[in-house]
Amino acid sequence: MADESEFQVAILLPVQGTDEALDRTVASVLAQTERRWTLWLIESEDARGRAARWLGTDPRVRRLPHAGGGRAAALGAALARCPGDYLVFLDAEHSWEPGFLALTTAFLRANPLEDLVCMEAVTPSGRPAVVRRAIFRERGALCAALDLPAGTTPDGALDGAVWYRGELAQHLRWGEYSRMAVTLMTSDAALRLAPALGRESAALEYRLQARLARTSAVNLLALRGAVQQPVAWSAAQELQQERAALEVFDEIHGHQREVDPEVARLRRERLARLQRSPALRLLGHGLGLARHAARAVVCSAGLSGAHRSRGATPLGLGGPQVHHPR
């Protein structure tokens, strides 16, 4: 059972995205039934002044200026400057359910040997944003492990609820078990992410998850923890995301591809996702058109040369029209 000692949750939220989306995210933090938190609005140079919109709403909402740009750099700089016993990386795409912090902090306090716990993110229609329960190899009753304050969830909401747990050796190494915005971790686990924040990456979420799965067991509370708003990716952005994820996968697991059938299968799946990207299909179509045009140019040049050698005028200028086979 959790003791009654004080603790603090540091919530890191880069000021990125629209004001409307950030309004929704900040409001979901203010509505948490667990009140022991500080929300740090990380304001990079390109967002200078935007955090003022939410300052004053609650003394626990604070501004953290960052001289630079990029989400990875901002989060990396904030790790060393934002004290807390627990930490979570939030973003403007997610709005928490009111009991998110109460459930996750209660779980970690009741299980002090665990480093992190996550909940499920769902789309506005209620569908899970990530479905990965099958990769966990342990499960148990959730309510037996928790000591929740009254009113955290509606009566009976935890009846039959399940938590899942998985180790690195039990198929969690490729990440994508939930979302970082619904993953609460200890400060020690958060500090182990510092090397992964050393450079920007379109696949930052995947990089962080993969690193966590390599250093800690992962716990998933099979309950709705947040709503994830859809992101309008362009075809080019989707292609960049999939390419970056494949690069991270190879960086972490490349040496295992020849000896581990599972890793080889997972890489084939990632490669197939990349090949299904609309941008890649469009690029392939464009390359096909370019090759077709190049063949036409070569054929036209060859035909014109043949005509000139016979003293004929070039095509389209009144000379004899001769079909040149490709």
C-alpha atoms as a PDB file:
ATOM      1  CA  MET A   1       0.000   0.000   0.000  1.00  0.00           C
ATOM      2  CA  ALA A   2       1.154   3.522  -0.698  1.00  0.00           C
ATOM      3  CA  ASP A   3       2.385   5.550   2.246  1.00  0.00           C
ATOM      4  CA  GLU A   4       1.300   9.108   2.970  1.00  0.00           C
ATOM      5  CA  SER A   5       4.615  10.814   2.201  1.00  0.00           C
ATOM      6  CA  GLU A   6       4.586  13.860  -0.001  1.00  0.00           C
ATOM      7  CA  PHE A   7       5.645  13.694  -3.622  1.00  0.00           C
ATOM      8  CA  GLN A   8       5.628  15.950  -6.650  1.00  0.00           C
ATOM      9  CA  VAL A   9       4.932  15.304 -10.327  1.00  0.00           C
ATOM     10  CA  ALA A  10       6.769  17.417 -12.905  1.00  0.00           C
ATOM     11  CA  ILE A  11       4.733  17.784 -16.115  1.00  0.00           C
ATOM     12  CA  LEU A  12       6.776  19.012 -19.092  1.00  0.00           C
ATOM     13  CA  LEU A  13       4.678  20.595 -21.824  1.00  0.00           C
ATOM     14  CA  PRO A  14       6.416  22.283 -24.796  1.00  0.00           C
ATOM     15  CA  VAL A  15       4.459  25.299 -26.024  1.00  0.00           C
ATOM     16  CA  GLN A  16       3.886  23.891 -29.490  1.00  0.00           C
ATOM     17  CA  GLY A  17       0.703  23.513 -31.486  1.00  0.00           C
ATOM     18  CA  THR A  18      -2.343  25.763 -31.591  1.00  0.00           C
ATOM     19  CA  ASP A  19      -3.602  27.787 -28.644  1.00  0.00           C
ATOM     20  CA  GLU A  20      -6.891  25.878 -28.858  1.00  0.00           C
ATOM     21  CA  ALA A  21      -5.119  22.525 -28.492  1.00  0.00           C
ATOM     22  CA  LEU A  22      -2.947  23.802 -25.634  1.00  0.00           C
ATOM     23  CA  ASP A  23      -6.041  25.237 -23.902  1.00  0.00           C
ATOM     24  CA  ARG A  24      -7.558  21.762 -23.935  1.00  0.00           C
ATOM     25  CA  THR A  25      -4.364  20.136 -22.621  1.00  0.00           C
ATOM     26  CA  VAL A  26      -3.785  22.670 -19.819  1.00  0.00           C
ATOM     27  CA  ALA A  27      -7.439  22.430 -18.766  1.00  0.00           C
ATOM     28  CA  SER A  28      -7.083  18.649 -18.439  1.00  0.00           C
ATOM     29  CA  VAL A  29      -4.108  19.117 -16.099  1.00  0.00           C
ATOM     30  CA  LEU A  30      -5.998  21.626 -13.958  1.00  0.00           C
ATOM     31  CA  ALA A  31      -8.859  19.118 -13.683  1.00  0.00           C
ATOM     32  CA  GLN A  32      -6.705  16.327 -12.198  1.00  0.00           C
ATOM     33  CA  THR A  33      -7.995  14.828  -8.960  1.00  0.00           C
ATOM     34  CA  GLU A  34      -4.379  14.368  -7.858  1.00  0.00           C
ATOM     35  CA  ARG A  35      -3.188  17.866  -6.963  1.00  0.00           C
ATOM     36  CA  ARG A  36       0.541  17.349  -6.287  1.00  0.00           C
ATOM     37  CA  TRP A  37       1.977  18.505  -9.588  1.00  0.00           C
ATOM     38  CA  THR A  38       3.748  21.371 -11.322  1.00  0.00           C
ATOM     39  CA  LEU A  39       3.078  22.095 -14.978  1.00  0.00           C
ATOM     40  CA  TRP A  40       6.148  23.487 -16.740  1.00  0.00           C
ATOM     41  CA  LEU A  41       5.352  25.314 -19.986  1.00  0.00           C
ATOM     42  CA  ILE A  42       8.558  25.037 -22.002  1.00  0.00           C
ATOM     43  CA  GLU A  43       8.753  28.150 -24.142  1.00  0.00           C
ATOM     44  CA  SER A  44      11.344  28.030 -26.918  1.00  0.00           C
ATOM     45  CA  GLU A  45      12.500  31.089 -28.835  1.00  0.00           C
ATOM     46  CA  ASP A  46       9.987  30.522 -31.626  1.00  0.00           C
ATOM     47  CA  ALA A  47       7.155  30.497 -29.042  1.00  0.00           C
ATOM     48  CA  ARG A  48       8.346  33.446 -26.989  1.00  0.00           C
ATOM     49  CA  GLY A  49       5.484  35.044 -25.033  1.00  0.00           C
ATOM     50  CA  ARG A  50       2.885  32.359 -25.729  1.00  0.00           C
ATOM     51  CA  ALA A  51       3.059  30.827 -22.237  1.00  0.00           C
ATOM     52  CA  ALA A  52       1.629  34.041 -20.738  1.00  0.00           C
ATOM     53  CA  ARG A  53      -1.801  32.895 -21.904  1.00  0.00           C
ATOM     54  CA  TRP A  54      -1.909  30.217 -19.167  1.00  0.00           C
ATOM     55  CA  LEU A  55       0.166  31.808 -16.410  1.00  0.00           C
ATOM     56  CA  GLY A  56      -1.972  32.977 -13.509  1.00  0.00           C
ATOM     57  CA  THR A  57      -4.590  30.268 -13.982  1.00  0.00           C
ATOM     58  CA  ASP A  58      -2.959  28.312 -11.141  1.00  0.00           C
ATOM     59  CA  PRO A  59       0.251  28.940  -9.137  1.00  0.00           C
ATOM     60  CA  ARG A  60       1.446  25.450 -10.130  1.00  0.00           C
ATOM     61  CA  VAL A  61       1.543  26.477 -13.815  1.00  0.00           C
ATOM     62  CA  ARG A  62       4.985  27.911 -14.530  1.00  0.00           C
ATOM     63  CA  ARG A  63       6.977  29.112 -17.514  1.00  0.00           C
ATOM     64  CA  LEU A  64      10.347  27.595 -18.412  1.00  0.00           C
ATOM     65  CA  PRO A  65      12.176  29.553 -21.150  1.00  0.00           C
ATOM     66  CA  HIS A  66      14.462  27.605 -23.427  1.00  0.00           C
ATOM     67  CA  ALA A  67      17.014  29.247 -25.709  1.00  0.00           C
ATOM     68  CA  GLY A  68      16.663  27.154 -28.797  1.00  0.00           C
ATOM     69  CA  GLY A  69      14.157  25.192 -30.819  1.00  0.00           C
ATOM     70  CA  GLY A  70      13.038  21.627 -31.218  1.00  0.00           C
ATOM     71  CA  ARG A  71      11.105  19.369 -28.871  1.00  0.00           C
ATOM     72  CA  ALA A  72      14.004  17.067 -28.022  1.00  0.00           C
ATOM     73  CA  ALA A  73      16.313  19.925 -27.018  1.00  0.00           C
ATOM     74  CA  ALA A  74      13.581  21.600 -24.964  1.00  0.00           C
ATOM     75  CA  LEU A  75      12.733  18.408 -23.067  1.00  0.00           C
ATOM     76  CA  GLY A  76      16.401  17.578 -22.545  1.00  0.00           C
ATOM     77  CA  ALA A  77      17.098  20.989 -21.037  1.00  0.00           C
ATOM     78  CA  ALA A  78      14.011  20.757 -18.825  1.00  0.00           C
ATOM     79  CA  LEU A  79      14.993  17.395 -17.320  1.00  0.00           C
ATOM     80  CA  ALA A  80      17.723  18.957 -15.215  1.00  0.00           C
ATOM     81  CA  ARG A  81      15.713  22.048 -14.262  1.00  0.00           C
ATOM     82  CA  CYS A  82      12.308  20.702 -13.217  1.00  0.00           C
ATOM     83  CA  PRO A  83      12.353  18.927  -9.844  1.00  0.00           C
ATOM     84  CA  GLY A  84       9.926  16.118  -9.161  1.00  0.00           C
ATOM     85  CA  ASP A  85       9.670  12.576  -7.856  1.00  0.00           C
ATOM     86  CA  TYR A  86       7.775  11.597 -10.993  1.00  0.00           C
ATOM     87  CA  LEU A  87       7.773  13.061 -14.478  1.00  0.00           C
ATOM     88  CA  VAL A  88       5.663  12.949 -17.613  1.00  0.00           C
ATOM     89  CA  PHE A  89       6.198  14.385 -21.106  1.00  0.00           C
ATOM     90  CA  LEU A  90       2.897  15.923 -22.181  1.00  0.00           C
ATOM     91  CA  ASP A  91       2.002  17.471 -25.544  1.00  0.00           C
ATOM     92  CA  ALA A  92      -0.794  19.491 -27.117  1.00  0.00           C
ATOM     93  CA  GLU A  93      -2.248  16.429 -28.844  1.00  0.00           C
ATOM     94  CA  HIS A  94      -3.396  14.847 -25.580  1.00  0.00           C
ATOM     95  CA  SER A  95      -5.887  15.824 -22.899  1.00  0.00           C
ATOM     96  CA  TRP A  96      -5.879  13.695 -19.764  1.00  0.00           C
ATOM     97  CA  GLU A  97      -8.808  12.039 -18.058  1.00  0.00           C
ATOM     98  CA  PRO A  98      -9.295  13.558 -14.558  1.00  0.00           C
ATOM     99  CA  GLY A  99      -7.980  10.455 -12.780  1.00  0.00           C
ATOM    100  CA  PHE A 100      -4.827   9.940 -14.849  1.00  0.00           C
ATOM    101  CA  LEU A 101      -2.298  11.241 -12.301  1.00  0.00           C
ATOM    102  CA  ALA A 102      -4.160   9.719  -9.344  1.00  0.00           C
ATOM    103  CA  LEU A 103      -4.102   6.253 -10.888  1.00  0.00           C
ATOM    104  CA  THR A 104      -0.531   6.311 -12.162  1.00  0.00           C
ATOM    105  CA  THR A 105       1.033   7.854  -9.056  1.00  0.00           C
ATOM    106  CA  ALA A 106      -0.893   5.426  -6.848  1.00  0.00           C
ATOM    107  CA  PHE A 107       0.418   2.527  -8.905  1.00  0.00           C
ATOM    108  CA  LEU A 108       4.057   3.592  -8.682  1.00  0.00           C
ATOM    109  CA  ARG A 109       3.792   4.329  -4.962  1.00  0.00           C
ATOM    110  CA  ALA A 110       2.233   0.928  -4.356  1.00  0.00           C
ATOM    111  CA  ASN A 111       4.936  -0.716  -6.489  1.00  0.00           C
ATOM    112  CA  PRO A 112       8.166   1.122  -5.582  1.00  0.00           C
ATOM    113  CA  LEU A 113      10.377  -1.253  -7.575  1.00  0.00           C
ATOM    114  CA  GLU A 114       8.698  -0.217 -10.841  1.00  0.00           C
ATOM    115  CA  ASP A 115      10.032   2.683 -12.907  1.00  0.00           C
ATOM    116  CA  LEU A 116       7.122   3.561 -15.156  1.00  0.00           C
ATOM    117  CA  VAL A 117       3.456   3.046 -15.846  1.00  0.00           C
ATOM    118  CA  CYS A 118       1.253   4.092 -18.729  1.00  0.00           C
ATOM    119  CA  MET A 119      -2.433   4.180 -19.561  1.00  0.00           C
ATOM    120  CA  GLU A 120      -4.279   3.962 -22.836  1.00  0.00           C
ATOM    121  CA  ALA A 121      -4.789   6.927 -25.144  1.00  0.00           C
ATOM    122  CA  VAL A 122      -7.931   6.895 -27.266  1.00  0.00           C
ATOM    123  CA  THR A 123      -9.074   8.874 -30.286  1.00  0.00           C
ATOM    124  CA  PRO A 124     -12.042  11.278 -29.955  1.00  0.00           C
ATOM    125  CA  SER A 125     -14.282   8.427 -31.202  1.00  0.00           C
ATOM    126  CA  GLY A 126     -13.075   6.224 -28.344  1.00  0.00           C
ATOM    127  CA  ARG A 127     -10.831   3.874 -30.310  1.00  0.00           C
ATOM    128  CA  PRO A 128      -7.420   3.061 -28.768  1.00  0.00           C
ATOM    129  CA  ALA A 129      -4.657   5.120 -30.370  1.00  0.00           C
ATOM    130  CA  VAL A 130      -2.227   2.230 -29.819  1.00  0.00           C
ATOM    131  CA  VAL A 131      -3.253  -1.405 -29.412  1.00  0.00           C
ATOM    132  CA  ARG A 132      -0.371  -3.414 -27.982  1.00  0.00           C
ATOM    133  CA  ARG A 133      -1.803  -5.437 -25.084  1.00  0.00           C
ATOM    134  CA  ALA A 134      -0.793  -8.693 -26.752  1.00  0.00           C
ATOM    135  CA  ILE A 135       2.921  -7.948 -26.302  1.00  0.00           C
ATOM    136  CA  PHE A 136       2.669  -8.008 -22.497  1.00  0.00           C
ATOM    137  CA  ARG A 137       3.329 -11.355 -20.868  1.00  0.00           C
ATOM    138  CA  GLU A 138       2.038 -10.713 -17.337  1.00  0.00           C
ATOM    139  CA  ARG A 139      -1.330  -9.478 -16.105  1.00  0.00           C
ATOM    140  CA  GLY A 140      -3.156  -9.003 -12.833  1.00  0.00           C
ATOM    141  CA  ALA A 141      -6.063  -7.266 -11.118  1.00  0.00           C
ATOM    142  CA  LEU A 142      -5.497  -3.525 -10.849  1.00  0.00           C
ATOM    143  CA  CYS A 143      -7.617  -2.535  -7.874  1.00  0.00           C
ATOM    144  CA  ALA A 144      -5.838  -4.980  -5.549  1.00  0.00           C
ATOM    145  CA  ALA A 145      -2.581  -3.053  -6.004  1.00  0.00           C
ATOM    146  CA  LEU A 146      -3.942   0.480  -5.545  1.00  0.00           C
ATOM    147  CA  ASP A 147      -4.928   2.674  -2.633  1.00  0.00           C
ATOM    148  CA  LEU A 148      -6.859   5.464  -4.350  1.00  0.00           C
ATOM    149  CA  PRO A 149      -8.338   8.561  -2.748  1.00  0.00           C
ATOM    150  CA  ALA A 150     -12.115   8.701  -2.691  1.00  0.00           C
ATOM    151  CA  GLY A 151     -13.692  10.119  -5.812  1.00  0.00           C
ATOM    152  CA  THR A 152     -10.799   9.332  -8.113  1.00  0.00           C
ATOM    153  CA  THR A 153     -12.997   7.319 -10.441  1.00  0.00           C
ATOM    154  CA  PRO A 154     -16.730   6.616 -10.570  1.00  0.00           C
ATOM    155  CA  ASP A 155     -17.906   3.824  -8.294  1.00  0.00           C
ATOM    156  CA  GLY A 156     -17.058   0.466  -9.765  1.00  0.00           C
ATOM    157  CA  ALA A 157     -14.905   1.874 -12.553  1.00  0.00           C
ATOM    158  CA  LEU A 158     -11.953  -0.313 -11.538  1.00  0.00           C
ATOM    159  CA  ASP A 159     -13.932  -3.514 -11.091  1.00  0.00           C
ATOM    160  CA  GLY A 160     -12.318  -6.080 -13.348  1.00  0.00           C
ATOM    161  CA  ALA A 161      -9.680  -3.621 -14.553  1.00  0.00           C
ATOM    162  CA  VAL A 162      -6.394  -5.228 -15.551  1.00  0.00           C
ATOM    163  CA  TRP A 163      -2.782  -4.123 -15.519  1.00  0.00           C
ATOM    164  CA  TYR A 164      -0.213  -5.599 -17.865  1.00  0.00           C
ATOM    165  CA  ARG A 165       3.528  -5.864 -17.382  1.00  0.00           C
ATOM    166  CA  GLY A 166       6.371  -6.765 -19.714  1.00  0.00           C
ATOM    167  CA  GLU A 167      10.149  -7.002 -19.609  1.00  0.00           C
ATOM    168  CA  LEU A 168      12.656  -6.208 -22.341  1.00  0.00           C
ATOM    169  CA  ALA A 169      13.149  -9.905 -22.978  1.00  0.00           C
ATOM    170  CA  GLN A 170       9.389 -10.334 -23.356  1.00  0.00           C
ATOM    171  CA  HIS A 171       8.982  -8.491 -26.644  1.00  0.00           C
ATOM    172  CA  LEU A 172       8.748  -4.864 -25.521  1.00  0.00           C
ATOM    173  CA  ARG A 173      11.996  -3.755 -27.109  1.00  0.00           C
ATOM    174  CA  TRP A 174      10.528  -2.019 -30.161  1.00  0.00           C
ATOM    175  CA  GLY A 175       8.364   0.427 -28.186  1.00  0.00           C
ATOM    176  CA  GLU A 176       4.918   1.641 -29.263  1.00  0.00           C
ATOM    177  CA  TYR A 177       3.139   0.188 -26.235  1.00  0.00           C
ATOM    178  CA  SER A 178       1.282   3.429 -25.470  1.00  0.00           C
ATOM    179  CA  ARG A 179       2.097   7.143 -25.756  1.00  0.00           C
ATOM    180  CA  MET A 180       4.689   9.169 -23.858  1.00  0.00           C
ATOM    181  CA  ALA A 181       1.961  11.676 -22.935  1.00  0.00           C
ATOM    182  CA  VAL A 182       0.234   8.966 -20.853  1.00  0.00           C
ATOM    183  CA  THR A 183       3.436   7.489 -19.373  1.00  0.00           C
ATOM    184  CA  LEU A 184       4.395   8.460 -15.829  1.00  0.00           C
ATOM    185  CA  MET A 185       7.953   7.587 -14.822  1.00  0.00           C
ATOM    186  CA  THR A 186      10.204   8.004 -11.838  1.00  0.00           C
ATOM    187  CA  SER A 187      12.808  10.762 -11.929  1.00  0.00           C
ATOM    188  CA  ASP A 188      15.555   8.120 -12.215  1.00  0.00           C
ATOM    189  CA  ALA A 189      13.932   6.596 -15.292  1.00  0.00           C
ATOM    190  CA  ALA A 190      13.500  10.066 -16.799  1.00  0.00           C
ATOM    191  CA  LEU A 191      17.187  10.864 -16.382  1.00  0.00           C
ATOM    192  CA  ARG A 192      18.075   7.709 -18.289  1.00  0.00           C
ATOM    193  CA  LEU A 193      16.309   9.248 -21.286  1.00  0.00           C
ATOM    194  CA  ALA A 194      18.779  12.130 -21.512  1.00  0.00           C
ATOM    195  CA  PRO A 195      20.942  10.490 -24.239  1.00  0.00           C
ATOM    196  CA  ALA A 196      17.846   9.947 -26.382  1.00  0.00           C
ATOM    197  CA  LEU A 197      17.149  13.694 -26.216  1.00  0.00           C
ATOM    198  CA  GLY A 198      20.574  14.543 -27.598  1.00  0.00           C
ATOM    199  CA  ARG A 199      19.324  15.161 -31.112  1.00  0.00           C
ATOM    200  CA  GLU A 200      16.122  16.012 -32.911  1.00  0.00           C
ATOM    201  CA  SER A 201      14.269  13.213 -34.638  1.00  0.00           C
ATOM    202  CA  ALA A 202      10.947  12.885 -36.404  1.00  0.00           C
ATOM    203  CA  ALA A 203      10.624   9.611 -34.463  1.00  0.00           C
ATOM    204  CA  LEU A 204      11.343  11.102 -31.009  1.00  0.00           C
ATOM    205  CA  GLU A 205       8.340   9.326 -29.456  1.00  0.00           C
ATOM    206  CA  TYR A 206       9.562   5.966 -30.737  1.00  0.00           C
ATOM    207  CA  ARG A 207      13.141   6.677 -29.639  1.00  0.00           C
ATOM    208  CA  LEU A 208      12.058   7.501 -26.077  1.00  0.00           C
ATOM    209  CA  GLN A 209       9.768   4.498 -25.816  1.00  0.00           C
ATOM    210  CA  ALA A 210      12.394   2.123 -27.151  1.00  0.00           C
ATOM    211  CA  ARG A 211      14.942   3.407 -24.646  1.00  0.00           C
ATOM    212  CA  LEU A 212      12.510   3.042 -21.748  1.00  0.00           C
ATOM    213  CA  ALA A 213      11.684  -0.515 -22.798  1.00  0.00           C
ATOM    214  CA  ARG A 214      15.390  -1.365 -22.861  1.00  0.00           C
ATOM    215  CA  THR A 215      16.036  -0.085 -19.334  1.00  0.00           C
ATOM    216  CA  SER A 216      12.791  -0.726 -17.434  1.00  0.00           C
ATOM    217  CA  ALA A 217       9.839  -3.057 -17.231  1.00  0.00           C
ATOM    218  CA  VAL A 218       6.713  -1.473 -18.708  1.00  0.00           C
ATOM    219  CA  ASN A 219       3.363  -1.433 -16.908  1.00  0.00           C
ATOM    220  CA  LEU A 220       0.116  -0.679 -18.723  1.00  0.00           C
ATOM    221  CA  LEU A 221      -3.118   0.105 -16.871  1.00  0.00           C
ATOM    222  CA  ALA A 222      -5.832  -1.016 -19.256  1.00  0.00           C
ATOM    223  CA  LEU A 223      -7.934   2.069 -18.711  1.00  0.00           C
ATOM    224  CA  ARG A 224      -8.541   5.252 -20.681  1.00  0.00           C
ATOM    225  CA  GLY A 225      -5.978   7.818 -19.612  1.00  0.00           C
ATOM    226  CA  ALA A 226      -6.255  10.502 -22.282  1.00  0.00           C
ATOM    227  CA  VAL A 227      -7.879  11.542 -25.523  1.00  0.00           C
ATOM    228  CA  GLN A 228      -5.452  11.967 -28.401  1.00  0.00           C
ATOM    229  CA  GLN A 229      -6.502  14.477 -31.028  1.00  0.00           C
ATOM    230  CA  PRO A 230      -5.814  13.467 -34.626  1.00  0.00           C
ATOM    231  CA  VAL A 231      -2.743  14.981 -36.245  1.00  0.00           C
ATOM    232  CA  ALA A 232      -3.064  16.158 -39.831  1.00  0.00           C
ATOM    233  CA  TRP A 233       0.153  14.736 -41.275  1.00  0.00           C
ATOM    234  CA  SER A 234       1.055  15.669 -44.795  1.00  0.00           C
ATOM    235  CA  ALA A 235       2.204  12.814 -47.018  1.00  0.00           C
ATOM    236  CA  ALA A 236       5.779  14.143 -46.791  1.00  0.00           C
ATOM    237  CA  GLN A 237       5.617  14.306 -42.958  1.00  0.00           C
ATOM    238  CA  GLU A 238       4.264  10.767 -42.769  1.00  0.00           C
ATOM    239  CA  LEU A 239       7.095   9.560 -44.987  1.00  0.00           C
ATOM    240  CA  GLN A 240       9.645  11.389 -42.815  1.00  0.00           C
ATOM    241  CA  GLN A 241       8.131   9.839 -39.677  1.00  0.00           C
ATOM    242  CA  GLU A 242       8.238   6.285 -41.006  1.00  0.00           C
ATOM    243  CA  ARG A 243      11.789   6.680 -42.341  1.00  0.00           C
ATOM    244  CA  ALA A 244      12.979   8.060 -39.005  1.00  0.00           C
ATOM    245  CA  ALA A 245      11.304   5.207 -37.108  1.00  0.00           C
ATOM    246  CA  LEU A 246      13.018   2.651 -39.335  1.00  0.00           C
ATOM    247  CA  GLU A 247      16.362   4.373 -38.759  1.00  0.00           C
ATOM    248  CA  VAL A 248      15.849   4.257 -34.982  1.00  0.00           C
ATOM    249  CA  PHE A 249      14.878   0.591 -35.188  1.00  0.00           C
ATOM    250  CA  ASP A 250      18.068  -0.216 -37.116  1.00  0.00           C
ATOM    251  CA  GLU A 251      20.146   1.869 -34.721  1.00  0.00           C
ATOM    252  CA  ILE A 252      18.852  -0.119 -31.738  1.00  0.00           C
ATOM    253  CA  HIS A 253      18.358  -3.601 -33.183  1.00  0.00           C
ATOM    254  CA  GLY A 254      20.399  -3.707 -36.386  1.00  0.00           C
ATOM    255  CA  HIS A 255      22.997  -6.089 -34.937  1.00  0.00           C
ATOM    256  CA  GLN A 256      20.220  -8.600 -34.097  1.00  0.00           C
ATOM    257  CA  ARG A 257      18.649  -8.853 -37.549  1.00  0.00           C
ATOM    258  CA  GLU A 258      20.741 -11.813 -38.657  1.00  0.00           C
ATOM    259  CA  VAL A 259      20.301 -13.864 -35.486  1.00  0.00           C
ATOM    260  CA  ASP A 260      16.857 -12.936 -34.137  1.00  0.00           C
ATOM    261  CA  PRO A 261      13.869 -13.969 -36.312  1.00  0.00           C
ATOM    262  CA  GLU A 262      11.542 -11.717 -34.328  1.00  0.00           C
ATOM    263  CA  VAL A 263      13.622  -8.626 -34.977  1.00  0.00           C
ATOM    264  CA  ALA A 264      13.844  -9.543 -38.663  1.00  0.00           C
ATOM    265  CA  ARG A 265      10.053  -9.914 -38.824  1.00  0.00           C
ATOM    266  CA  LEU A 266       9.478  -6.586 -37.064  1.00  0.00           C
ATOM    267  CA  ARG A 267      11.817  -4.831 -39.457  1.00  0.00           C
ATOM    268  CA  ARG A 268       9.919  -6.270 -42.424  1.00  0.00           C
ATOM    269  CA  GLU A 269       6.711  -4.910 -40.905  1.00  0.00           C
ATOM    270  CA  ARG A 270       8.254  -1.454 -40.481  1.00  0.00           C
ATOM    271  CA  LEU A 271       9.602  -1.529 -44.015  1.00  0.00           C
ATOM    272  CA  ALA A 272       6.148  -2.486 -45.302  1.00  0.00           C
ATOM    273  CA  ARG A 273       4.646   0.484 -43.438  1.00  0.00           C
ATOM    274  CA  LEU A 274       7.199   2.746 -45.062  1.00  0.00           C
ATOM    275  CA  GLN A 275       6.444   1.336 -48.495  1.00  0.00           C
ATOM    276  CA  ARG A 276       2.712   1.915 -47.942  1.00  0.00           C
ATOM    277  CA  SER A 277       3.298   5.606 -47.273  1.00  0.00           C
ATOM    278  CA  PRO A 278       1.260   7.782 -49.684  1.00  0.00           C
ATOM    279  CA  ALA A 279       4.268  10.060 -50.169  1.00  0.00           C
ATOM    280  CA  LEU A 280       6.459   7.133 -51.192  1.00  0.00           C
ATOM    281  CA  ARG A 281       3.801   5.886 -53.611  1.00  0.00           C
ATOM    282  CA  LEU A 282       3.524   9.401 -55.020  1.00  0.00           C
ATOM    283  CA  LEU A 283       7.318   9.605 -55.273  1.00  0.00           C
ATOM    284  CA  GLY A 284       7.410   6.249 -57.022  1.00  0.00           C
ATOM    285  CA  HIS A 285       4.735   7.424 -59.431  1.00  0.00           C
ATOM    286  CA  GLY A 286       6.736  10.592 -60.074  1.00  0.00           C
ATOM    287  CA  LEU A 287       9.888   8.617 -60.697  1.00  0.00           C
ATOM    288  CA  GLY A 288       7.970   6.420 -63.125  1.00  0.00           C
ATOM    289  CA  LEU A 289       6.762   9.484 -65.020  1.00  0.00           C
ATOM    290  CA  ALA A 290      10.293  10.891 -65.011  1.00  0.00           C
ATOM    291  CA  ARG A 291      11.708   7.674 -66.454  1.00  0.00           C
ATOM    292  CA  HIS A 292       8.972   7.664 -69.084  1.00  0.00           C
ATOM    293  CA  ALA A 293       9.765  11.276 -70.002  1.00  0.00           C
ATOM    294  CA  ALA A 294      13.496  10.506 -70.114  1.00  0.00           C
ATOM    295  CA  ARG A 295      12.894   7.618 -72.499  1.00  0.00           C
ATOM    296  CA  ALA A 296      10.784   9.916 -74.668  1.00  0.00           C
ATOM    297  CA  VAL A 297      13.575  12.521 -74.754  1.00  0.00           C
ATOM    298  CA  VAL A 298      16.175   9.917 -75.653  1.00  0.00           C
ATOM    299  CA  CYS A 299      13.959   8.524 -78.385  1.00  0.00           C
ATOM    300  CA  SER A 300      13.222  11.982 -79.733  1.00  0.00           C
ATOM    301  CA  ALA A 301      16.916  12.870 -79.755  1.00  0.00           C
ATOM    302  CA  GLY A 302      17.780   9.655 -81.572  1.00  0.00           C
ATOM    303  CA  LEU A 303      15.055  10.203 -84.133  1.00  0.00           C
ATOM    304  CA  SER A 304      16.092  13.808 -84.725  1.00  0.00           C
ATOM    305  CA  GLY A 305      19.684  12.720 -85.249  1.00  0.00           C
ATOM    306  CA  ALA A 306      18.559  10.103 -87.775  1.00  0.00           C
ATOM    307  CA  HIS A 307      16.536  12.703 -89.652  1.00  0.00           C
ATOM    308  CA  ARG A 308      19.378  15.162 -89.713  1.00  0.00           C
ATOM    309  CA  SER A 309      21.703  12.511 -91.078  1.00  0.00           C
ATOM    310  CA  ARG A 310      19.282  12.119 -93.991  1.00  0.00           C
ATOM    311  CA  GLY A 311      18.812  15.846 -94.471  1.00  0.00           C
ATOM    312  CA  ALA A 312      15.285  15.747 -93.075  1.00  0.00           C
ATOM    313  CA  THR A 313      13.719  18.459 -90.897  1.00  0.00           C
ATOM    314  CA  PRO A 314      13.112  17.779 -87.208  1.00  0.00           C
ATOM    315  CA  LEU A 315       9.778  16.385 -86.020  1.00  0.00           C
ATOM    316  CA  GLY A 316       6.977  18.894 -85.733  1.00  0.00           C
ATOM    317  CA  LEU A 317       8.521  21.340 -88.216  1.00  0.00           C
ATOM    318  CA  GLY A 318       6.922  20.093 -91.395  1.00  0.00           C
ATOM    319  CA  GLY A 319       9.236  17.172 -92.121  1.00  0.00           C
ATOM    320  CA  PRO A 320       8.140  13.607 -92.649  1.00  0.00           C
ATOM    321  CA  GLN A 321       6.666  11.942 -89.528  1.00  0.00           C
ATOM    322  CA  VAL A 322       8.484   8.681 -88.906  1.00  0.00           C
ATOM    323  CA  HIS A 323       7.572   6.344 -86.018  1.00  0.00           C
ATOM    324  CA  HIS A 324      10.658   5.486 -83.963  1.00  0.00           C
ATOM    325  CA  PRO A 325      10.155   2.244 -82.005  1.00  0.00           C
ATOM    326  CA  ARG A 326      11.081   2.283 -78.282  1.00  0.00           C
END
